[in-house]
Every structure is written in C-alpha cells, then in structure tokens.
Amino acid sequence: MLKTAIIATLLASGVQAFATEPDVTTIIFVNAAEVETSPSADPGLSVAGLEQANQLTTSLADVDIATIYTTYANRAVQTVTPLSKARQRGLDYFRINDDPELMNSVMKDMLKRNKGKTIVICSDPENIPAMVRHLGVRGKDVKTLYDKGCGQVLVVKVSGNNTAVAQKLNMNIQKKV
C-alpha cells in the first residue's frame, strides 16, 4: 500500500512540476495494456487491459496533456481511448518501423510540436525502448527502468538542452490492495 502511495505521488507531482517549466517536454510512454487471448494478429484488450486503460485515465486526471499519440495497433488505440474521451481530444496516430531515419523524423516532429508540454505516446513494448533511446536515455537505463510487461508507464523528461531523464511507473498505481 505504501508503494502505491509513493508511486502515485511521484506521478502526480513529478509530471506536473516538470510540465510547468517552459523548456522541459514531458513524454509519458505507455505500453499497450494487456491483450485478450485471441488468434487475431491484432487483438483487443482483455478485461484486465480495459481496467488498466481506465486506471491510466484516472492516474493522469490532473496532468495537463497536450497531445495523445498512438500507433495503429488495436491494443494501443484501446489503451488510450478512455484517456482521449475523458479529455475530449482526438488521437494522433503515428507509424514507426526499424528505419532509424523514420524514427528520427517522427520523434523530432513530436518534440517540435509539443516543446515544453506533456504528451502521451502509446505503443507496443518493442517500440518504446528505441523511441526512448532516441531521446537520449542510455540503453542501460532503459533496460533497468523498463520491462516488456503490459500496463507500464515510462516518463521521460527532455530539457531544452536535450538532456533526457526517465522514470518507470505502473498503470496499476490506483489499484486497490
């Protein structure tokens, strides 16, 4: 229970404190929530995944979010749809692949459009480490701060001098113990 309170406090105060500094862009990377067991190549969320998506919305209720980005994957879209509806804001879609130039272009565009703001980026766990490393977080830090489990949140704060700092959180922070 104490761990839950500490993580909730870090998310609430840490994101807001940095979001108010004009040169700091806060990026909240969200793993797609838990998917249903399905033979589909693009499954939707499980019941637990839908709960995680709703918990994300509740956890970010007091955070001023400028833009919500998502890949086209069904699980990613369903993860941030409750947040999008709560904010009465559309989703901005993006595609990435293994092409470093495309990754560079997508990330530069997101940062340029949202300088000094807080944004949410939802993707699959395979994509997020590459995106985070592109921002300047060392690979070792990404590996220790981030795992491939569903329902994880990684907050990266990029300062005006392009220094990036990462902090791992969990979407289950509001879950009752």
N, C-alpha and C. Protein backbone atom coordinates (compact mmCIF):
# COMPACT_ATOMS: atom_id res chain seq x y z
N MET A 1 0.82 -1.18 0.00
CA MET A 1 0.00 0.00 0.00
C MET A 1 0.87 1.25 0.00
N LEU A 2 1.96 1.23 0.77
CA LEU A 2 2.88 2.36 0.79
C LEU A 2 3.49 2.58 -0.59
N LYS A 3 3.87 1.47 -1.25
CA LYS A 3 4.45 1.58 -2.59
C LYS A 3 3.47 2.26 -3.53
N THR A 4 2.20 1.91 -3.44
CA THR A 4 1.18 2.52 -4.28
C THR A 4 1.09 4.01 -4.03
N ALA A 5 1.11 4.41 -2.78
CA ALA A 5 1.02 5.83 -2.42
C ALA A 5 2.24 6.59 -2.93
N ILE A 6 3.42 6.00 -2.81
CA ILE A 6 4.65 6.66 -3.26
C ILE A 6 4.63 6.84 -4.77
N ILE A 7 4.28 5.80 -5.49
CA ILE A 7 4.26 5.88 -6.95
C ILE A 7 3.22 6.89 -7.42
N ALA A 8 2.05 6.90 -6.78
CA ALA A 8 1.00 7.86 -7.14
C ALA A 8 1.49 9.29 -6.91
N THR A 9 2.18 9.52 -5.80
CA THR A 9 2.70 10.84 -5.50
C THR A 9 3.76 11.26 -6.52
N LEU A 10 4.65 10.34 -6.88
CA LEU A 10 5.67 10.64 -7.88
C LEU A 10 5.04 11.02 -9.20
N LEU A 11 4.05 10.28 -9.63
CA LEU A 11 3.41 10.58 -10.91
C LEU A 11 2.72 11.92 -10.85
N ALA A 12 1.96 12.15 -9.82
CA ALA A 12 1.19 13.39 -9.72
C ALA A 12 2.10 14.61 -9.61
N SER A 13 3.08 14.57 -8.72
CA SER A 13 3.91 15.75 -8.52
C SER A 13 5.04 15.85 -9.53
N GLY A 14 5.65 14.76 -9.87
CA GLY A 14 6.79 14.79 -10.79
C GLY A 14 6.42 15.26 -12.17
N VAL A 15 5.37 14.76 -12.73
CA VAL A 15 4.96 15.15 -14.07
C VAL A 15 4.52 16.60 -14.08
N GLN A 16 3.74 17.02 -13.09
CA GLN A 16 3.25 18.38 -13.07
C GLN A 16 4.39 19.38 -12.86
N ALA A 17 5.32 19.07 -11.99
CA ALA A 17 6.40 20.00 -11.70
C ALA A 17 7.23 20.28 -12.94
N PHE A 18 7.56 19.26 -13.70
CA PHE A 18 8.36 19.47 -14.89
C PHE A 18 7.55 20.04 -16.04
N ALA A 19 6.27 19.75 -16.08
CA ALA A 19 5.44 20.22 -17.17
C ALA A 19 5.31 21.74 -17.15
N THR A 20 5.50 22.38 -16.00
CA THR A 20 5.34 23.82 -15.91
C THR A 20 6.59 24.56 -16.36
N GLU A 21 7.73 23.91 -16.47
CA GLU A 21 8.94 24.56 -16.94
C GLU A 21 8.88 24.65 -18.45
N PRO A 22 9.08 25.85 -19.02
CA PRO A 22 8.86 26.04 -20.46
C PRO A 22 9.79 25.25 -21.35
N ASP A 23 10.99 24.94 -20.91
CA ASP A 23 11.92 24.22 -21.76
C ASP A 23 11.90 22.71 -21.58
N VAL A 24 11.06 22.21 -20.70
CA VAL A 24 11.02 20.77 -20.44
C VAL A 24 9.78 20.16 -21.09
N THR A 25 10.03 19.18 -21.93
CA THR A 25 8.93 18.44 -22.55
C THR A 25 8.84 17.11 -21.82
N THR A 26 7.66 16.77 -21.33
CA THR A 26 7.45 15.52 -20.61
C THR A 26 6.71 14.56 -21.53
N ILE A 27 7.30 13.40 -21.72
CA ILE A 27 6.71 12.37 -22.57
C ILE A 27 6.35 11.19 -21.69
N ILE A 28 5.08 10.85 -21.69
CA ILE A 28 4.60 9.70 -20.92
C ILE A 28 4.41 8.56 -21.90
N PHE A 29 5.38 7.63 -21.90
CA PHE A 29 5.30 6.46 -22.77
C PHE A 29 4.43 5.42 -22.07
N VAL A 30 3.47 4.87 -22.77
CA VAL A 30 2.54 3.89 -22.21
C VAL A 30 2.60 2.62 -23.05
N ASN A 31 2.91 1.51 -22.38
CA ASN A 31 2.78 0.21 -23.04
C ASN A 31 1.32 -0.05 -23.31
N ALA A 32 1.02 -0.65 -24.43
CA ALA A 32 -0.35 -1.09 -24.65
C ALA A 32 -0.72 -2.01 -23.49
N ALA A 33 -1.95 -1.89 -23.02
CA ALA A 33 -2.43 -2.68 -21.89
C ALA A 33 -2.56 -4.16 -22.29
N GLU A 34 -2.91 -4.98 -21.30
CA GLU A 34 -3.00 -6.43 -21.50
C GLU A 34 -4.01 -6.79 -22.59
N VAL A 35 -3.60 -7.66 -23.51
CA VAL A 35 -4.47 -8.05 -24.62
C VAL A 35 -5.22 -9.34 -24.31
N GLU A 36 -6.32 -9.51 -25.00
CA GLU A 36 -7.10 -10.73 -24.86
C GLU A 36 -6.38 -11.87 -25.57
N THR A 37 -6.65 -13.07 -25.13
CA THR A 37 -6.11 -14.24 -25.79
C THR A 37 -6.93 -14.46 -27.04
N SER A 38 -6.28 -14.35 -28.18
CA SER A 38 -7.00 -14.40 -29.44
C SER A 38 -6.05 -14.84 -30.54
N PRO A 39 -6.58 -15.56 -31.52
CA PRO A 39 -5.73 -15.92 -32.66
C PRO A 39 -5.52 -14.73 -33.61
N SER A 40 -6.17 -13.63 -33.34
CA SER A 40 -6.06 -12.45 -34.20
C SER A 40 -4.64 -11.90 -34.19
N ALA A 41 -4.21 -11.37 -35.32
CA ALA A 41 -2.90 -10.74 -35.42
C ALA A 41 -2.90 -9.38 -34.71
N ASP A 42 -4.08 -8.81 -34.50
CA ASP A 42 -4.19 -7.51 -33.84
C ASP A 42 -5.31 -7.58 -32.79
N PRO A 43 -5.04 -8.29 -31.68
CA PRO A 43 -6.09 -8.48 -30.67
C PRO A 43 -6.44 -7.20 -29.92
N GLY A 44 -7.63 -7.20 -29.34
CA GLY A 44 -8.06 -6.09 -28.50
C GLY A 44 -7.62 -6.33 -27.07
N LEU A 45 -8.10 -5.50 -26.16
CA LEU A 45 -7.72 -5.61 -24.76
C LEU A 45 -8.55 -6.65 -24.03
N SER A 46 -7.93 -7.28 -23.05
CA SER A 46 -8.64 -8.19 -22.16
C SER A 46 -9.43 -7.35 -21.15
N VAL A 47 -10.19 -8.00 -20.30
CA VAL A 47 -10.91 -7.29 -19.25
C VAL A 47 -9.92 -6.55 -18.35
N ALA A 48 -8.82 -7.22 -17.99
CA ALA A 48 -7.79 -6.58 -17.17
C ALA A 48 -7.16 -5.41 -17.92
N GLY A 49 -6.98 -5.55 -19.23
CA GLY A 49 -6.42 -4.47 -20.05
C GLY A 49 -7.33 -3.26 -20.09
N LEU A 50 -8.64 -3.50 -20.19
CA LEU A 50 -9.59 -2.39 -20.17
C LEU A 50 -9.54 -1.67 -18.83
N GLU A 51 -9.36 -2.44 -17.76
CA GLU A 51 -9.24 -1.85 -16.43
C GLU A 51 -7.96 -1.02 -16.34
N GLN A 52 -6.86 -1.53 -16.91
CA GLN A 52 -5.61 -0.77 -16.91
C GLN A 52 -5.78 0.55 -17.68
N ALA A 53 -6.48 0.51 -18.80
CA ALA A 53 -6.71 1.72 -19.59
C ALA A 53 -7.51 2.75 -18.78
N ASN A 54 -8.50 2.28 -18.07
CA ASN A 54 -9.28 3.19 -17.22
C ASN A 54 -8.44 3.74 -16.06
N GLN A 55 -7.57 2.89 -15.50
CA GLN A 55 -6.69 3.34 -14.42
C GLN A 55 -5.71 4.39 -14.92
N LEU A 56 -5.25 4.25 -16.15
CA LEU A 56 -4.37 5.26 -16.73
C LEU A 56 -5.07 6.60 -16.78
N THR A 57 -6.31 6.60 -17.23
CA THR A 57 -7.11 7.82 -17.32
C THR A 57 -7.25 8.47 -15.94
N THR A 58 -7.56 7.67 -14.94
CA THR A 58 -7.70 8.17 -13.58
C THR A 58 -6.38 8.72 -13.05
N SER A 59 -5.30 8.00 -13.30
CA SER A 59 -3.98 8.41 -12.81
C SER A 59 -3.51 9.72 -13.42
N LEU A 60 -3.90 9.99 -14.66
CA LEU A 60 -3.46 11.19 -15.34
C LEU A 60 -4.50 12.31 -15.31
N ALA A 61 -5.49 12.17 -14.45
CA ALA A 61 -6.59 13.13 -14.40
C ALA A 61 -6.14 14.57 -14.16
N ASP A 62 -5.10 14.76 -13.37
CA ASP A 62 -4.65 16.11 -13.03
C ASP A 62 -3.45 16.57 -13.86
N VAL A 63 -3.08 15.80 -14.87
CA VAL A 63 -1.94 16.15 -15.69
C VAL A 63 -2.44 16.84 -16.96
N ASP A 64 -1.85 18.00 -17.26
CA ASP A 64 -2.22 18.75 -18.46
C ASP A 64 -1.53 18.11 -19.66
N ILE A 65 -2.29 17.40 -20.47
CA ILE A 65 -1.75 16.66 -21.61
C ILE A 65 -2.09 17.42 -22.89
N ALA A 66 -1.05 17.74 -23.67
CA ALA A 66 -1.23 18.49 -24.91
C ALA A 66 -1.71 17.58 -26.04
N THR A 67 -1.11 16.41 -26.18
CA THR A 67 -1.41 15.52 -27.30
C THR A 67 -1.31 14.07 -26.85
N ILE A 68 -2.16 13.22 -27.43
CA ILE A 68 -2.12 11.78 -27.17
C ILE A 68 -1.80 11.10 -28.50
N TYR A 69 -0.63 10.48 -28.56
CA TYR A 69 -0.18 9.76 -29.76
C TYR A 69 -0.37 8.27 -29.55
N THR A 70 -0.68 7.57 -30.63
CA THR A 70 -0.79 6.11 -30.57
C THR A 70 -0.43 5.52 -31.93
N THR A 71 0.05 4.29 -31.88
CA THR A 71 0.23 3.55 -33.13
C THR A 71 -1.15 3.07 -33.57
N TYR A 72 -1.20 2.44 -34.72
CA TYR A 72 -2.48 1.97 -35.26
C TYR A 72 -2.91 0.62 -34.67
N ALA A 73 -2.07 -0.01 -33.88
CA ALA A 73 -2.39 -1.32 -33.30
C ALA A 73 -3.64 -1.20 -32.42
N ASN A 74 -4.54 -2.13 -32.58
CA ASN A 74 -5.81 -2.14 -31.84
C ASN A 74 -5.58 -2.00 -30.34
N ARG A 75 -4.63 -2.75 -29.78
CA ARG A 75 -4.38 -2.73 -28.34
C ARG A 75 -3.88 -1.36 -27.89
N ALA A 76 -3.09 -0.68 -28.69
CA ALA A 76 -2.60 0.65 -28.33
C ALA A 76 -3.74 1.67 -28.38
N VAL A 77 -4.53 1.61 -29.43
CA VAL A 77 -5.66 2.54 -29.57
C VAL A 77 -6.63 2.36 -28.40
N GLN A 78 -6.95 1.10 -28.07
CA GLN A 78 -7.89 0.85 -26.98
C GLN A 78 -7.31 1.26 -25.62
N THR A 79 -6.00 1.25 -25.48
CA THR A 79 -5.38 1.65 -24.22
C THR A 79 -5.57 3.13 -23.94
N VAL A 80 -5.45 3.97 -24.96
CA VAL A 80 -5.55 5.42 -24.74
C VAL A 80 -6.90 6.02 -25.11
N THR A 81 -7.82 5.21 -25.63
CA THR A 81 -9.14 5.74 -25.97
C THR A 81 -9.89 6.30 -24.76
N PRO A 82 -9.90 5.64 -23.59
CA PRO A 82 -10.58 6.23 -22.44
C PRO A 82 -9.98 7.59 -22.05
N LEU A 83 -8.66 7.72 -22.13
CA LEU A 83 -7.99 8.98 -21.84
C LEU A 83 -8.41 10.04 -22.86
N SER A 84 -8.45 9.66 -24.11
CA SER A 84 -8.87 10.57 -25.18
C SER A 84 -10.30 11.05 -24.98
N LYS A 85 -11.18 10.14 -24.62
CA LYS A 85 -12.59 10.51 -24.39
C LYS A 85 -12.73 11.41 -23.17
N ALA A 86 -11.99 11.09 -22.11
CA ALA A 86 -12.07 11.91 -20.90
C ALA A 86 -11.59 13.33 -21.16
N ARG A 87 -10.62 13.47 -22.04
CA ARG A 87 -10.07 14.79 -22.37
C ARG A 87 -10.80 15.44 -23.54
N GLN A 88 -11.73 14.72 -24.13
CA GLN A 88 -12.45 15.19 -25.32
C GLN A 88 -11.46 15.65 -26.39
N ARG A 89 -10.51 14.79 -26.63
CA ARG A 89 -9.43 15.07 -27.57
C ARG A 89 -9.23 13.87 -28.47
N GLY A 90 -9.00 14.12 -29.74
CA GLY A 90 -8.74 13.04 -30.68
C GLY A 90 -7.35 12.45 -30.47
N LEU A 91 -7.16 11.30 -31.07
CA LEU A 91 -5.86 10.63 -31.02
C LEU A 91 -5.06 11.03 -32.25
N ASP A 92 -3.75 11.21 -32.08
CA ASP A 92 -2.85 11.44 -33.20
C ASP A 92 -2.10 10.14 -33.44
N TYR A 93 -2.23 9.61 -34.66
CA TYR A 93 -1.65 8.31 -34.99
C TYR A 93 -0.26 8.49 -35.61
N PHE A 94 0.60 7.50 -35.38
CA PHE A 94 1.92 7.51 -35.99
C PHE A 94 2.32 6.08 -36.33
N ARG A 95 3.23 5.96 -37.26
CA ARG A 95 3.80 4.67 -37.64
C ARG A 95 5.31 4.76 -37.47
N ILE A 96 5.88 3.68 -36.96
CA ILE A 96 7.33 3.56 -36.93
C ILE A 96 7.69 2.14 -37.31
N ASN A 97 8.92 1.97 -37.71
CA ASN A 97 9.43 0.63 -38.00
C ASN A 97 10.91 0.62 -37.63
N ASP A 98 11.66 -0.28 -38.19
CA ASP A 98 13.08 -0.39 -37.84
C ASP A 98 13.96 0.65 -38.55
N ASP A 99 13.36 1.54 -39.32
CA ASP A 99 14.12 2.55 -40.05
C ASP A 99 14.51 3.70 -39.11
N PRO A 100 15.81 3.86 -38.82
CA PRO A 100 16.24 4.91 -37.90
C PRO A 100 15.88 6.32 -38.38
N GLU A 101 15.89 6.54 -39.68
CA GLU A 101 15.53 7.87 -40.21
C GLU A 101 14.07 8.18 -39.94
N LEU A 102 13.20 7.19 -40.12
CA LEU A 102 11.78 7.39 -39.83
C LEU A 102 11.58 7.67 -38.34
N MET A 103 12.24 6.89 -37.48
CA MET A 103 12.15 7.09 -36.04
C MET A 103 12.60 8.51 -35.68
N ASN A 104 13.73 8.94 -36.25
CA ASN A 104 14.25 10.27 -36.00
C ASN A 104 13.24 11.33 -36.42
N SER A 105 12.66 11.18 -37.57
CA SER A 105 11.69 12.15 -38.09
C SER A 105 10.44 12.23 -37.21
N VAL A 106 9.91 11.07 -36.83
CA VAL A 106 8.70 11.02 -36.00
C VAL A 106 8.95 11.67 -34.64
N MET A 107 10.05 11.30 -33.99
CA MET A 107 10.34 11.82 -32.66
C MET A 107 10.65 13.32 -32.70
N LYS A 108 11.40 13.76 -33.70
CA LYS A 108 11.69 15.20 -33.83
C LYS A 108 10.40 15.99 -34.01
N ASP A 109 9.50 15.47 -34.84
CA ASP A 109 8.23 16.15 -35.08
C ASP A 109 7.40 16.24 -33.80
N MET A 110 7.32 15.15 -33.06
CA MET A 110 6.56 15.16 -31.81
C MET A 110 7.13 16.18 -30.82
N LEU A 111 8.46 16.20 -30.69
CA LEU A 111 9.10 17.14 -29.76
C LEU A 111 8.91 18.59 -30.21
N LYS A 112 9.07 18.82 -31.50
CA LYS A 112 8.94 20.18 -32.02
C LYS A 112 7.53 20.73 -31.81
N ARG A 113 6.53 19.91 -32.08
CA ARG A 113 5.14 20.34 -31.94
C ARG A 113 4.72 20.55 -30.48
N ASN A 114 5.42 19.90 -29.57
CA ASN A 114 4.98 19.90 -28.17
C ASN A 114 6.04 20.40 -27.20
N LYS A 115 6.93 21.25 -27.65
CA LYS A 115 8.00 21.76 -26.79
C LYS A 115 7.43 22.39 -25.53
N GLY A 116 7.93 21.95 -24.38
CA GLY A 116 7.51 22.49 -23.09
C GLY A 116 6.17 21.97 -22.60
N LYS A 117 5.61 20.98 -23.28
CA LYS A 117 4.30 20.43 -22.90
C LYS A 117 4.46 18.98 -22.45
N THR A 118 3.35 18.39 -22.06
CA THR A 118 3.31 16.98 -21.68
C THR A 118 2.50 16.24 -22.74
N ILE A 119 3.07 15.14 -23.24
CA ILE A 119 2.37 14.32 -24.23
C ILE A 119 2.36 12.86 -23.77
N VAL A 120 1.42 12.11 -24.32
CA VAL A 120 1.33 10.67 -24.06
C VAL A 120 1.60 9.97 -25.39
N ILE A 121 2.45 8.94 -25.35
CA ILE A 121 2.72 8.12 -26.53
C ILE A 121 2.45 6.68 -26.15
N CYS A 122 1.50 6.04 -26.83
CA CYS A 122 1.17 4.64 -26.56
C CYS A 122 1.64 3.78 -27.73
N SER A 123 2.34 2.73 -27.39
CA SER A 123 2.86 1.82 -28.41
C SER A 123 3.07 0.45 -27.79
N ASP A 124 3.58 -0.45 -28.59
CA ASP A 124 3.93 -1.79 -28.10
C ASP A 124 5.26 -1.73 -27.37
N PRO A 125 5.48 -2.66 -26.45
CA PRO A 125 6.72 -2.64 -25.68
C PRO A 125 7.98 -2.80 -26.54
N GLU A 126 7.84 -3.33 -27.74
CA GLU A 126 9.01 -3.50 -28.61
C GLU A 126 9.48 -2.16 -29.17
N ASN A 127 8.58 -1.19 -29.31
CA ASN A 127 8.92 0.09 -29.92
C ASN A 127 9.42 1.12 -28.92
N ILE A 128 8.92 1.08 -27.72
CA ILE A 128 9.20 2.14 -26.76
C ILE A 128 10.69 2.28 -26.41
N PRO A 129 11.43 1.20 -26.17
CA PRO A 129 12.86 1.39 -25.85
C PRO A 129 13.62 2.13 -26.94
N ALA A 130 13.34 1.84 -28.21
CA ALA A 130 14.03 2.54 -29.30
C ALA A 130 13.66 4.02 -29.31
N MET A 131 12.40 4.32 -29.05
CA MET A 131 11.96 5.72 -29.01
C MET A 131 12.63 6.45 -27.85
N VAL A 132 12.72 5.80 -26.71
CA VAL A 132 13.33 6.40 -25.52
C VAL A 132 14.82 6.61 -25.74
N ARG A 133 15.48 5.62 -26.33
CA ARG A 133 16.92 5.77 -26.61
C ARG A 133 17.15 6.92 -27.60
N HIS A 134 16.23 7.10 -28.53
CA HIS A 134 16.35 8.20 -29.49
C HIS A 134 16.35 9.55 -28.77
N LEU A 135 15.66 9.64 -27.66
CA LEU A 135 15.60 10.88 -26.89
C LEU A 135 16.87 11.14 -26.08
N GLY A 136 17.74 10.13 -26.01
CA GLY A 136 18.99 10.32 -25.30
C GLY A 136 19.11 9.56 -24.00
N VAL A 137 18.12 8.77 -23.65
CA VAL A 137 18.22 7.95 -22.44
C VAL A 137 19.10 6.76 -22.79
N ARG A 138 20.11 6.51 -21.99
CA ARG A 138 21.05 5.43 -22.27
C ARG A 138 20.35 4.07 -22.27
N GLY A 139 20.82 3.20 -23.14
CA GLY A 139 20.25 1.86 -23.26
C GLY A 139 20.21 1.11 -21.95
N LYS A 140 21.27 1.24 -21.16
CA LYS A 140 21.32 0.57 -19.86
C LYS A 140 20.19 1.07 -18.96
N ASP A 141 19.96 2.40 -18.97
CA ASP A 141 18.90 2.97 -18.16
C ASP A 141 17.53 2.48 -18.62
N VAL A 142 17.34 2.41 -19.93
CA VAL A 142 16.06 1.94 -20.48
C VAL A 142 15.82 0.50 -20.04
N LYS A 143 16.86 -0.31 -20.11
CA LYS A 143 16.72 -1.71 -19.75
C LYS A 143 16.35 -1.88 -18.28
N THR A 144 16.93 -1.07 -17.40
CA THR A 144 16.64 -1.21 -15.98
C THR A 144 15.34 -0.53 -15.59
N LEU A 145 14.93 0.50 -16.34
CA LEU A 145 13.71 1.22 -15.99
C LEU A 145 12.47 0.62 -16.64
N TYR A 146 12.65 -0.21 -17.65
CA TYR A 146 11.53 -0.60 -18.47
C TYR A 146 11.55 -2.10 -18.71
N ASP A 147 10.43 -2.74 -18.54
CA ASP A 147 10.37 -4.15 -18.91
C ASP A 147 9.28 -4.30 -19.96
N LYS A 148 9.14 -5.49 -20.49
CA LYS A 148 8.19 -5.70 -21.58
C LYS A 148 6.80 -6.11 -21.11
N GLY A 149 6.48 -5.88 -19.85
CA GLY A 149 5.16 -6.20 -19.35
C GLY A 149 4.14 -5.18 -19.83
N CYS A 150 2.89 -5.59 -19.88
CA CYS A 150 1.84 -4.65 -20.28
C CYS A 150 1.52 -3.74 -19.09
N GLY A 151 0.91 -2.63 -19.39
CA GLY A 151 0.47 -1.73 -18.33
C GLY A 151 1.57 -0.94 -17.66
N GLN A 152 2.69 -0.76 -18.33
CA GLN A 152 3.79 0.00 -17.75
C GLN A 152 3.79 1.42 -18.32
N VAL A 153 4.26 2.35 -17.52
CA VAL A 153 4.37 3.74 -17.93
C VAL A 153 5.81 4.18 -17.69
N LEU A 154 6.39 4.83 -18.67
CA LEU A 154 7.74 5.35 -18.54
C LEU A 154 7.67 6.85 -18.83
N VAL A 155 8.04 7.67 -17.86
CA VAL A 155 8.01 9.11 -18.01
C VAL A 155 9.42 9.58 -18.36
N VAL A 156 9.53 10.29 -19.47
CA VAL A 156 10.82 10.83 -19.91
C VAL A 156 10.67 12.34 -19.98
N LYS A 157 11.57 13.03 -19.30
CA LYS A 157 11.57 14.49 -19.31
C LYS A 157 12.77 14.94 -20.11
N VAL A 158 12.52 15.69 -21.18
CA VAL A 158 13.57 16.18 -22.06
C VAL A 158 13.70 17.68 -21.84
N SER A 159 14.88 18.11 -21.37
CA SER A 159 15.09 19.54 -21.12
C SER A 159 15.46 20.25 -22.41
N GLY A 160 15.50 21.56 -22.35
CA GLY A 160 15.81 22.37 -23.52
C GLY A 160 17.18 22.07 -24.10
N ASN A 161 18.11 21.57 -23.29
CA ASN A 161 19.44 21.23 -23.80
C ASN A 161 19.51 19.76 -24.24
N ASN A 162 18.34 19.15 -24.46
CA ASN A 162 18.21 17.76 -24.93
C ASN A 162 18.75 16.72 -23.97
N THR A 163 18.73 17.02 -22.68
CA THR A 163 19.07 16.03 -21.67
C THR A 163 17.79 15.31 -21.29
N ALA A 164 17.81 13.97 -21.32
CA ALA A 164 16.61 13.19 -21.03
C ALA A 164 16.80 12.39 -19.75
N VAL A 165 15.75 12.36 -18.93
CA VAL A 165 15.74 11.59 -17.69
C VAL A 165 14.49 10.73 -17.71
N ALA A 166 14.61 9.46 -17.32
CA ALA A 166 13.47 8.53 -17.37
C ALA A 166 13.12 8.02 -15.98
N GLN A 167 11.82 7.73 -15.80
CA GLN A 167 11.31 7.20 -14.53
C GLN A 167 10.21 6.20 -14.86
N LYS A 168 10.32 4.96 -14.38
CA LYS A 168 9.34 3.92 -14.65
C LYS A 168 8.22 3.96 -13.63
N LEU A 169 6.98 3.85 -14.11
CA LEU A 169 5.80 3.77 -13.25
C LEU A 169 4.95 2.60 -13.72
N ASN A 170 3.85 2.37 -13.03
CA ASN A 170 2.97 1.26 -13.37
C ASN A 170 1.55 1.78 -13.45
N MET A 171 0.79 1.38 -14.48
CA MET A 171 -0.59 1.84 -14.63
C MET A 171 -1.48 1.36 -13.52
N ASN A 172 -1.04 0.40 -12.74
CA ASN A 172 -1.87 -0.13 -11.66
C ASN A 172 -1.74 0.69 -10.39
N ILE A 173 -1.23 1.91 -10.47
CA ILE A 173 -0.99 2.69 -9.26
C ILE A 173 -2.26 3.00 -8.49
N GLN A 174 -3.39 3.00 -9.13
CA GLN A 174 -4.63 3.28 -8.44
C GLN A 174 -5.37 2.02 -8.00
N LYS A 175 -4.80 0.87 -8.31
CA LYS A 175 -5.45 -0.39 -7.99
C LYS A 175 -5.52 -0.59 -6.49
N LYS A 176 -6.69 -0.99 -6.00
CA LYS A 176 -6.85 -1.20 -4.57
C LYS A 176 -6.14 -2.47 -4.13
N VAL A 177 -5.48 -2.38 -3.00
CA VAL A 177 -4.69 -3.51 -2.49
C VAL A 177 -5.54 -4.32 -1.54
